[in-house]
């Protein structure tokens, strides 16, 4: 096993493609495939499931990736500190569901440090990827929403990933609309009033379980629903279609 092979595995896992990983690593696809196969043979495991749509980690591969990130991260730390012209920067990453308050908190935190000495990262992403990012040490902290509905399932998922949930704040339920929405002036809004407008929700990809939803009351039946991948798109849908989210 070599550090180069570890880097190969990490890059393939991140790009989910042998071709893209080869381009990013500046190596030929056959060389990359051969290096992975040699490592798989050495360890007696299969790292990836391969299909026409790309590659995904096997259970063994996902477990190996955790250790690979740790080892390669330590190597990079040594290289940054002791290598030629090395200047070690501390790294801190946060993965979060699509919450503006999490971004604001991140901004307030970053302002307290000399950013020339730190490499910060904030990743707004799907629920399953928030958990994956923290469990594989890509991020130090994940920000997630738990409710009475999803608590047991989410806590079980967190435990199986070797993670702990720490309560930050309790939130009440609100309807989020843009300021010129026909219902924006109402003090309270019923579901019957909302039925003429599209409910906006964040897409969770293949992991579309109700328990992974970022919005409250995700099990309700909505006559109109649109799913989006990012907050910018959702805000445009709020304005353009008088959409709402919970």
C-alpha atoms as a PDB file:
ATOM      1  CA  UNK A   1       0.000   0.000   0.000  1.00  0.00           C
ATOM      2  CA  UNK A   2       1.289   3.458  -0.904  1.00  0.00           C
ATOM      3  CA  UNK A   3       0.239   7.034  -0.235  1.00  0.00           C
ATOM      4  CA  UNK A   4      -0.349   7.374  -3.959  1.00  0.00           C
ATOM      5  CA  UNK A   5      -2.867   4.532  -3.849  1.00  0.00           C
ATOM      6  CA  UNK A   6      -4.623   6.162  -0.897  1.00  0.00           C
ATOM      7  CA  UNK A   7      -4.875   9.407  -2.853  1.00  0.00           C
ATOM      8  CA  UNK A   8      -6.289   7.493  -5.813  1.00  0.00           C
ATOM      9  CA  UNK A   9      -9.009   5.882  -3.682  1.00  0.00           C
ATOM     10  CA  UNK A  10      -9.960   9.210  -2.066  1.00  0.00           C
ATOM     11  CA  UNK A  11     -10.153  10.992  -5.421  1.00  0.00           C
ATOM     12  CA  UNK A  12     -12.248   8.267  -7.063  1.00  0.00           C
ATOM     13  CA  UNK A  13     -14.641   8.292  -4.093  1.00  0.00           C
ATOM     14  CA  UNK A  14     -15.016  12.076  -4.345  1.00  0.00           C
ATOM     15  CA  UNK A  15     -15.506  12.209  -8.125  1.00  0.00           C
ATOM     16  CA  UNK A  16     -17.530   8.961  -8.336  1.00  0.00           C
ATOM     17  CA  UNK A  17     -15.832   8.321 -11.674  1.00  0.00           C
ATOM     18  CA  UNK A  18     -12.633   6.595 -12.792  1.00  0.00           C
ATOM     19  CA  UNK A  19     -12.396   8.906 -15.818  1.00  0.00           C
ATOM     20  CA  UNK A  20     -12.819  12.119 -13.819  1.00  0.00           C
ATOM     21  CA  UNK A  21     -10.389  10.913 -11.158  1.00  0.00           C
ATOM     22  CA  UNK A  22      -7.780  10.078 -13.804  1.00  0.00           C
ATOM     23  CA  UNK A  23      -8.127  13.566 -15.302  1.00  0.00           C
ATOM     24  CA  UNK A  24      -7.843  15.209 -11.900  1.00  0.00           C
ATOM     25  CA  UNK A  25      -4.819  13.113 -10.944  1.00  0.00           C
ATOM     26  CA  UNK A  26      -3.118  13.503 -14.355  1.00  0.00           C
ATOM     27  CA  UNK A  27      -2.728   9.750 -14.800  1.00  0.00           C
ATOM     28  CA  UNK A  28      -4.063   7.407 -17.451  1.00  0.00           C
ATOM     29  CA  UNK A  29      -7.255   5.501 -16.742  1.00  0.00           C
ATOM     30  CA  UNK A  30      -5.561   2.077 -17.166  1.00  0.00           C
ATOM     31  CA  UNK A  31      -2.821   3.064 -14.693  1.00  0.00           C
ATOM     32  CA  UNK A  32      -5.395   4.258 -12.171  1.00  0.00           C
ATOM     33  CA  UNK A  33      -7.512   1.124 -12.546  1.00  0.00           C
ATOM     34  CA  UNK A  34      -4.433  -1.084 -12.196  1.00  0.00           C
ATOM     35  CA  UNK A  35      -3.323   0.704  -9.008  1.00  0.00           C
ATOM     36  CA  UNK A  36      -6.754   0.246  -7.448  1.00  0.00           C
ATOM     37  CA  UNK A  37      -6.902  -3.420  -8.422  1.00  0.00           C
ATOM     38  CA  UNK A  38      -3.446  -4.024  -6.921  1.00  0.00           C
ATOM     39  CA  UNK A  39      -4.567  -2.475  -3.639  1.00  0.00           C
ATOM     40  CA  UNK A  40      -7.800  -4.486  -3.658  1.00  0.00           C
ATOM     41  CA  UNK A  41      -5.793  -7.659  -4.221  1.00  0.00           C
ATOM     42  CA  UNK A  42      -3.346  -6.763  -1.451  1.00  0.00           C
ATOM     43  CA  UNK A  43      -6.134  -6.117   1.074  1.00  0.00           C
ATOM     44  CA  UNK A  44      -8.509  -8.817  -0.134  1.00  0.00           C
ATOM     45  CA  UNK A  45     -11.473  -6.463  -0.504  1.00  0.00           C
ATOM     46  CA  UNK A  46     -13.395  -4.747  -3.287  1.00  0.00           C
ATOM     47  CA  UNK A  47     -13.360  -0.955  -3.000  1.00  0.00           C
ATOM     48  CA  UNK A  48     -15.940   0.048  -5.593  1.00  0.00           C
ATOM     49  CA  UNK A  49     -19.056  -1.128  -7.346  1.00  0.00           C
ATOM     50  CA  UNK A  50     -18.613  -0.296 -11.024  1.00  0.00           C
ATOM     51  CA  UNK A  51     -21.449   0.449 -13.452  1.00  0.00           C
ATOM     52  CA  UNK A  52     -22.128   2.475 -16.565  1.00  0.00           C
ATOM     53  CA  UNK A  53     -23.191   5.391 -14.345  1.00  0.00           C
ATOM     54  CA  UNK A  54     -19.872   5.521 -12.502  1.00  0.00           C
ATOM     55  CA  UNK A  55     -18.536   3.986  -9.311  1.00  0.00           C
ATOM     56  CA  UNK A  56     -19.852   3.758  -5.767  1.00  0.00           C
ATOM     57  CA  UNK A  57     -18.134   2.585  -2.620  1.00  0.00           C
ATOM     58  CA  UNK A  58     -18.778  -0.907  -1.305  1.00  0.00           C
ATOM     59  CA  UNK A  59     -19.257  -1.335   2.439  1.00  0.00           C
ATOM     60  CA  UNK A  60     -15.601  -2.363   2.722  1.00  0.00           C
ATOM     61  CA  UNK A  61     -14.603   0.579   0.548  1.00  0.00           C
ATOM     62  CA  UNK A  62     -16.532   3.066   2.690  1.00  0.00           C
ATOM     63  CA  UNK A  63     -14.849   1.755   5.832  1.00  0.00           C
ATOM     64  CA  UNK A  64     -11.427   1.835   4.171  1.00  0.00           C
ATOM     65  CA  UNK A  65     -12.043   5.420   2.989  1.00  0.00           C
ATOM     66  CA  UNK A  66     -12.399   6.563   6.592  1.00  0.00           C
ATOM     67  CA  UNK A  67      -8.908   5.314   7.435  1.00  0.00           C
ATOM     68  CA  UNK A  68      -7.480   6.461   4.096  1.00  0.00           C
ATOM     69  CA  UNK A  69      -8.635  10.037   4.743  1.00  0.00           C
ATOM     70  CA  UNK A  70      -7.065   9.959   8.200  1.00  0.00           C
ATOM     71  CA  UNK A  71      -3.726   8.626   6.959  1.00  0.00           C
ATOM     72  CA  UNK A  72      -3.525  10.842   3.895  1.00  0.00           C
ATOM     73  CA  UNK A  73      -4.637  13.856   5.914  1.00  0.00           C
ATOM     74  CA  UNK A  74      -1.776  13.275   8.355  1.00  0.00           C
ATOM     75  CA  UNK A  75       0.636  12.981   5.431  1.00  0.00           C
ATOM     76  CA  UNK A  76      -0.610  16.304   4.003  1.00  0.00           C
ATOM     77  CA  UNK A  77      -0.254  17.936   7.417  1.00  0.00           C
ATOM     78  CA  UNK A  78       3.378  16.822   7.678  1.00  0.00           C
ATOM     79  CA  UNK A  79       4.060  17.920   4.112  1.00  0.00           C
ATOM     80  CA  UNK A  80       2.481  21.333   4.651  1.00  0.00           C
ATOM     81  CA  UNK A  81       4.414  21.915   7.847  1.00  0.00           C
ATOM     82  CA  UNK A  82       7.817  20.454   7.040  1.00  0.00           C
ATOM     83  CA  UNK A  83       7.919  20.392   3.237  1.00  0.00           C
ATOM     84  CA  UNK A  84       9.709  22.964   1.106  1.00  0.00           C
ATOM     85  CA  UNK A  85       8.079  26.375   1.657  1.00  0.00           C
ATOM     86  CA  UNK A  86       5.603  24.663   3.926  1.00  0.00           C
ATOM     87  CA  UNK A  87       3.138  26.810   5.812  1.00  0.00           C
ATOM     88  CA  UNK A  88       0.664  24.799   7.831  1.00  0.00           C
ATOM     89  CA  UNK A  89      -2.930  26.031   7.800  1.00  0.00           C
ATOM     90  CA  UNK A  90      -5.455  24.653  10.219  1.00  0.00           C
ATOM     91  CA  UNK A  91      -8.559  23.301   8.501  1.00  0.00           C
ATOM     92  CA  UNK A  92     -12.140  23.528   9.672  1.00  0.00           C
ATOM     93  CA  UNK A  93     -15.165  22.403   7.696  1.00  0.00           C
ATOM     94  CA  UNK A  94     -18.908  22.415   8.332  1.00  0.00           C
ATOM     95  CA  UNK A  95     -21.435  20.373   6.371  1.00  0.00           C
ATOM     96  CA  UNK A  96     -25.031  21.460   6.752  1.00  0.00           C
ATOM     97  CA  UNK A  97     -28.505  21.070   5.421  1.00  0.00           C
ATOM     98  CA  UNK A  98     -29.693  24.144   3.525  1.00  0.00           C
ATOM     99  CA  UNK A  99     -30.034  26.617   6.398  1.00  0.00           C
ATOM    100  CA  UNK A 100     -29.248  30.329   6.201  1.00  0.00           C
ATOM    101  CA  UNK A 101     -28.747  30.493   9.980  1.00  0.00           C
ATOM    102  CA  UNK A 102     -25.940  27.932   9.697  1.00  0.00           C
ATOM    103  CA  UNK A 103     -24.195  30.078   7.081  1.00  0.00           C
ATOM    104  CA  UNK A 104     -24.599  33.165   9.277  1.00  0.00           C
ATOM    105  CA  UNK A 105     -23.141  31.307  12.263  1.00  0.00           C
ATOM    106  CA  UNK A 106     -20.240  30.155  10.071  1.00  0.00           C
ATOM    107  CA  UNK A 107     -19.577  33.752   8.977  1.00  0.00           C
ATOM    108  CA  UNK A 108     -19.640  34.988  12.578  1.00  0.00           C
ATOM    109  CA  UNK A 109     -17.219  32.224  13.572  1.00  0.00           C
ATOM    110  CA  UNK A 110     -14.800  32.869  10.689  1.00  0.00           C
ATOM    111  CA  UNK A 111     -14.622  36.581  11.541  1.00  0.00           C
ATOM    112  CA  UNK A 112     -13.095  35.691  14.906  1.00  0.00           C
ATOM    113  CA  UNK A 113      -9.986  34.161  13.313  1.00  0.00           C
ATOM    114  CA  UNK A 114      -7.116  35.251  11.105  1.00  0.00           C
ATOM    115  CA  UNK A 115      -8.310  33.699   7.857  1.00  0.00           C
ATOM    116  CA  UNK A 116      -4.790  33.738   6.411  1.00  0.00           C
ATOM    117  CA  UNK A 117      -3.951  31.013   8.925  1.00  0.00           C
ATOM    118  CA  UNK A 118      -7.021  28.849   8.370  1.00  0.00           C
ATOM    119  CA  UNK A 119      -8.615  26.963   5.516  1.00  0.00           C
ATOM    120  CA  UNK A 120     -12.362  27.131   6.113  1.00  0.00           C
ATOM    121  CA  UNK A 121     -15.059  25.238   4.220  1.00  0.00           C
ATOM    122  CA  UNK A 122     -18.846  25.214   4.418  1.00  0.00           C
ATOM    123  CA  UNK A 123     -20.815  22.659   2.444  1.00  0.00           C
ATOM    124  CA  UNK A 124     -24.584  22.920   1.963  1.00  0.00           C
ATOM    125  CA  UNK A 125     -25.628  19.447   0.932  1.00  0.00           C
ATOM    126  CA  UNK A 126     -28.065  16.557   1.282  1.00  0.00           C
ATOM    127  CA  UNK A 127     -28.790  15.008   4.666  1.00  0.00           C
ATOM    128  CA  UNK A 128     -26.987  11.725   3.959  1.00  0.00           C
ATOM    129  CA  UNK A 129     -23.932  13.616   2.704  1.00  0.00           C
ATOM    130  CA  UNK A 130     -23.812  15.748   5.857  1.00  0.00           C
ATOM    131  CA  UNK A 131     -23.526  12.535   7.867  1.00  0.00           C
ATOM    132  CA  UNK A 132     -21.014  11.044   5.426  1.00  0.00           C
ATOM    133  CA  UNK A 133     -18.845  14.183   5.414  1.00  0.00           C
ATOM    134  CA  UNK A 134     -18.477  14.140   9.197  1.00  0.00           C
ATOM    135  CA  UNK A 135     -18.039  10.374   9.519  1.00  0.00           C
ATOM    136  CA  UNK A 136     -15.233  10.423   6.921  1.00  0.00           C
ATOM    137  CA  UNK A 137     -13.665  13.540   8.518  1.00  0.00           C
ATOM    138  CA  UNK A 138     -14.224  15.681   5.439  1.00  0.00           C
ATOM    139  CA  UNK A 139     -15.973  18.092   7.827  1.00  0.00           C
ATOM    140  CA  UNK A 140     -15.568  18.529  11.559  1.00  0.00           C
ATOM    141  CA  UNK A 141     -19.205  19.438  12.256  1.00  0.00           C
ATOM    142  CA  UNK A 142     -22.555  18.691  10.638  1.00  0.00           C
ATOM    143  CA  UNK A 143     -25.745  20.712  11.129  1.00  0.00           C
ATOM    144  CA  UNK A 144     -28.949  18.641  10.956  1.00  0.00           C
ATOM    145  CA  UNK A 145     -32.629  18.974  11.832  1.00  0.00           C
ATOM    146  CA  UNK A 146     -34.231  16.431  14.166  1.00  0.00           C
ATOM    147  CA  UNK A 147     -37.908  16.188  15.060  1.00  0.00           C
ATOM    148  CA  UNK A 148     -40.117  13.806  17.008  1.00  0.00           C
ATOM    149  CA  UNK A 149     -40.878  12.113  13.676  1.00  0.00           C
ATOM    150  CA  UNK A 150     -37.319  11.401  12.516  1.00  0.00           C
ATOM    151  CA  UNK A 151     -35.389  11.399  15.796  1.00  0.00           C
ATOM    152  CA  UNK A 152     -35.151   7.626  16.369  1.00  0.00           C
ATOM    153  CA  UNK A 153     -34.165   6.852  12.781  1.00  0.00           C
ATOM    154  CA  UNK A 154     -31.660   9.700  12.576  1.00  0.00           C
ATOM    155  CA  UNK A 155     -30.034   8.885  15.914  1.00  0.00           C
ATOM    156  CA  UNK A 156     -29.707   5.246  14.837  1.00  0.00           C
ATOM    157  CA  UNK A 157     -28.098   6.370  11.569  1.00  0.00           C
ATOM    158  CA  UNK A 158     -25.722   8.684  13.421  1.00  0.00           C
ATOM    159  CA  UNK A 159     -24.705   5.940  15.864  1.00  0.00           C
ATOM    160  CA  UNK A 160     -24.025   3.516  13.018  1.00  0.00           C
ATOM    161  CA  UNK A 161     -21.723   6.164  11.516  1.00  0.00           C
ATOM    162  CA  UNK A 162     -19.881   6.622  14.819  1.00  0.00           C
ATOM    163  CA  UNK A 163     -21.335  10.104  15.390  1.00  0.00           C
ATOM    164  CA  UNK A 164     -23.099  11.910  18.231  1.00  0.00           C
ATOM    165  CA  UNK A 165     -25.899  14.473  18.047  1.00  0.00           C
ATOM    166  CA  UNK A 166     -25.622  17.569  20.235  1.00  0.00           C
ATOM    167  CA  UNK A 167     -28.712  19.741  20.620  1.00  0.00           C
ATOM    168  CA  UNK A 168     -28.226  23.404  19.672  1.00  0.00           C
ATOM    169  CA  UNK A 169     -31.643  25.065  19.570  1.00  0.00           C
ATOM    170  CA  UNK A 170     -35.377  24.356  19.425  1.00  0.00           C
ATOM    171  CA  UNK A 171     -37.289  25.963  16.561  1.00  0.00           C
ATOM    172  CA  UNK A 172     -40.983  26.603  15.972  1.00  0.00           C
ATOM    173  CA  UNK A 173     -42.670  25.869  12.667  1.00  0.00           C
ATOM    174  CA  UNK A 174     -42.980  28.703  10.161  1.00  0.00           C
ATOM    175  CA  UNK A 175     -44.017  29.123   6.558  1.00  0.00           C
ATOM    176  CA  UNK A 176     -41.315  30.858   4.507  1.00  0.00           C
ATOM    177  CA  UNK A 177     -42.590  33.103   1.702  1.00  0.00           C
ATOM    178  CA  UNK A 178     -41.173  35.990  -0.286  1.00  0.00           C
ATOM    179  CA  UNK A 179     -42.280  39.461   0.812  1.00  0.00           C
ATOM    180  CA  UNK A 180     -44.696  40.021  -2.099  1.00  0.00           C
ATOM    181  CA  UNK A 181     -46.427  36.648  -1.815  1.00  0.00           C
ATOM    182  CA  UNK A 182     -50.247  36.985  -1.708  1.00  0.00           C
ATOM    183  CA  UNK A 183     -50.235  35.485   1.814  1.00  0.00           C
ATOM    184  CA  UNK A 184     -47.252  37.437   3.144  1.00  0.00           C
ATOM    185  CA  UNK A 185     -49.433  39.843   5.129  1.00  0.00           C
ATOM    186  CA  UNK A 186     -51.280  37.106   7.037  1.00  0.00           C
ATOM    187  CA  UNK A 187     -50.534  36.637  10.748  1.00  0.00           C
ATOM    188  CA  UNK A 188     -51.187  32.903  10.472  1.00  0.00           C
ATOM    189  CA  UNK A 189     -51.662  30.623   7.470  1.00  0.00           C
ATOM    190  CA  UNK A 190     -53.560  27.342   7.126  1.00  0.00           C
ATOM    191  CA  UNK A 191     -52.748  24.462   4.796  1.00  0.00           C
ATOM    192  CA  UNK A 192     -55.954  25.131   2.875  1.00  0.00           C
ATOM    193  CA  UNK A 193     -54.658  28.629   2.087  1.00  0.00           C
ATOM    194  CA  UNK A 194     -51.374  27.161   0.848  1.00  0.00           C
ATOM    195  CA  UNK A 195     -52.991  24.568  -1.410  1.00  0.00           C
ATOM    196  CA  UNK A 196     -52.954  26.886  -4.445  1.00  0.00           C
ATOM    197  CA  UNK A 197     -49.183  27.382  -4.222  1.00  0.00           C
ATOM    198  CA  UNK A 198     -46.270  24.944  -4.749  1.00  0.00           C
ATOM    199  CA  UNK A 199     -44.537  23.526  -1.700  1.00  0.00           C
ATOM    200  CA  UNK A 200     -40.763  23.667  -2.160  1.00  0.00           C
ATOM    201  CA  UNK A 201     -38.508  20.945  -0.756  1.00  0.00           C
ATOM    202  CA  UNK A 202     -34.859  20.023  -1.054  1.00  0.00           C
ATOM    203  CA  UNK A 203     -34.128  16.917  -3.077  1.00  0.00           C
ATOM    204  CA  UNK A 204     -32.358  14.116  -1.220  1.00  0.00           C
ATOM    205  CA  UNK A 205     -31.277  12.099  -4.257  1.00  0.00           C
ATOM    206  CA  UNK A 206     -31.505   8.327  -4.047  1.00  0.00           C
ATOM    207  CA  UNK A 207     -31.823   8.584  -0.267  1.00  0.00           C
ATOM    208  CA  UNK A 208     -35.330  10.022  -0.464  1.00  0.00           C
ATOM    209  CA  UNK A 209     -36.634   8.600   2.821  1.00  0.00           C
ATOM    210  CA  UNK A 210     -39.034  10.837   4.746  1.00  0.00           C
ATOM    211  CA  UNK A 211     -36.609  10.593   7.651  1.00  0.00           C
ATOM    212  CA  UNK A 212     -33.902  12.396   5.662  1.00  0.00           C
ATOM    213  CA  UNK A 213     -36.113  15.329   4.651  1.00  0.00           C
ATOM    214  CA  UNK A 214     -34.966  18.774   5.767  1.00  0.00           C
ATOM    215  CA  UNK A 215     -38.477  20.178   6.037  1.00  0.00           C
ATOM    216  CA  UNK A 216     -41.029  19.593   8.782  1.00  0.00           C
ATOM    217  CA  UNK A 217     -44.274  17.744   7.990  1.00  0.00           C
ATOM    218  CA  UNK A 218     -42.537  15.975   5.113  1.00  0.00           C
ATOM    219  CA  UNK A 219     -45.051  13.107   5.262  1.00  0.00           C
ATOM    220  CA  UNK A 220     -47.978  15.378   4.413  1.00  0.00           C
ATOM    221  CA  UNK A 221     -49.583  15.125   0.992  1.00  0.00           C
ATOM    222  CA  UNK A 222     -49.092  18.357  -0.948  1.00  0.00           C
ATOM    223  CA  UNK A 223     -51.160  18.981  -4.112  1.00  0.00           C
ATOM    224  CA  UNK A 224     -48.255  20.900  -5.651  1.00  0.00           C
ATOM    225  CA  UNK A 225     -44.603  20.210  -4.869  1.00  0.00           C
ATOM    226  CA  UNK A 226     -41.300  21.157  -6.491  1.00  0.00           C
ATOM    227  CA  UNK A 227     -37.920  19.798  -5.415  1.00  0.00           C
ATOM    228  CA  UNK A 228     -34.688  21.766  -5.758  1.00  0.00           C
ATOM    229  CA  UNK A 229     -30.995  21.133  -5.084  1.00  0.00           C
ATOM    230  CA  UNK A 230     -29.839  24.506  -3.739  1.00  0.00           C
ATOM    231  CA  UNK A 231     -31.109  27.530  -1.846  1.00  0.00           C
ATOM    232  CA  UNK A 232     -30.567  29.968  -4.725  1.00  0.00           C
ATOM    233  CA  UNK A 233     -32.891  27.952  -6.959  1.00  0.00           C
ATOM    234  CA  UNK A 234     -35.439  27.653  -4.173  1.00  0.00           C
ATOM    235  CA  UNK A 235     -35.450  31.422  -3.622  1.00  0.00           C
ATOM    236  CA  UNK A 236     -36.024  31.967  -7.346  1.00  0.00           C
ATOM    237  CA  UNK A 237     -38.942  29.524  -7.217  1.00  0.00           C
ATOM    238  CA  UNK A 238     -40.406  31.393  -4.257  1.00  0.00           C
ATOM    239  CA  UNK A 239     -40.365  34.622  -6.247  1.00  0.00           C
ATOM    240  CA  UNK A 240     -41.272  33.253  -9.668  1.00  0.00           C
ATOM    241  CA  UNK A 241     -43.997  30.797  -8.648  1.00  0.00           C
ATOM    242  CA  UNK A 242     -45.100  32.119  -5.242  1.00  0.00           C
ATOM    243  CA  UNK A 243     -43.729  28.928  -3.732  1.00  0.00           C
ATOM    244  CA  UNK A 244     -43.302  28.306  -0.025  1.00  0.00           C
ATOM    245  CA  UNK A 245     -41.303  26.064   2.264  1.00  0.00           C
ATOM    246  CA  UNK A 246     -41.790  24.949   5.857  1.00  0.00           C
END
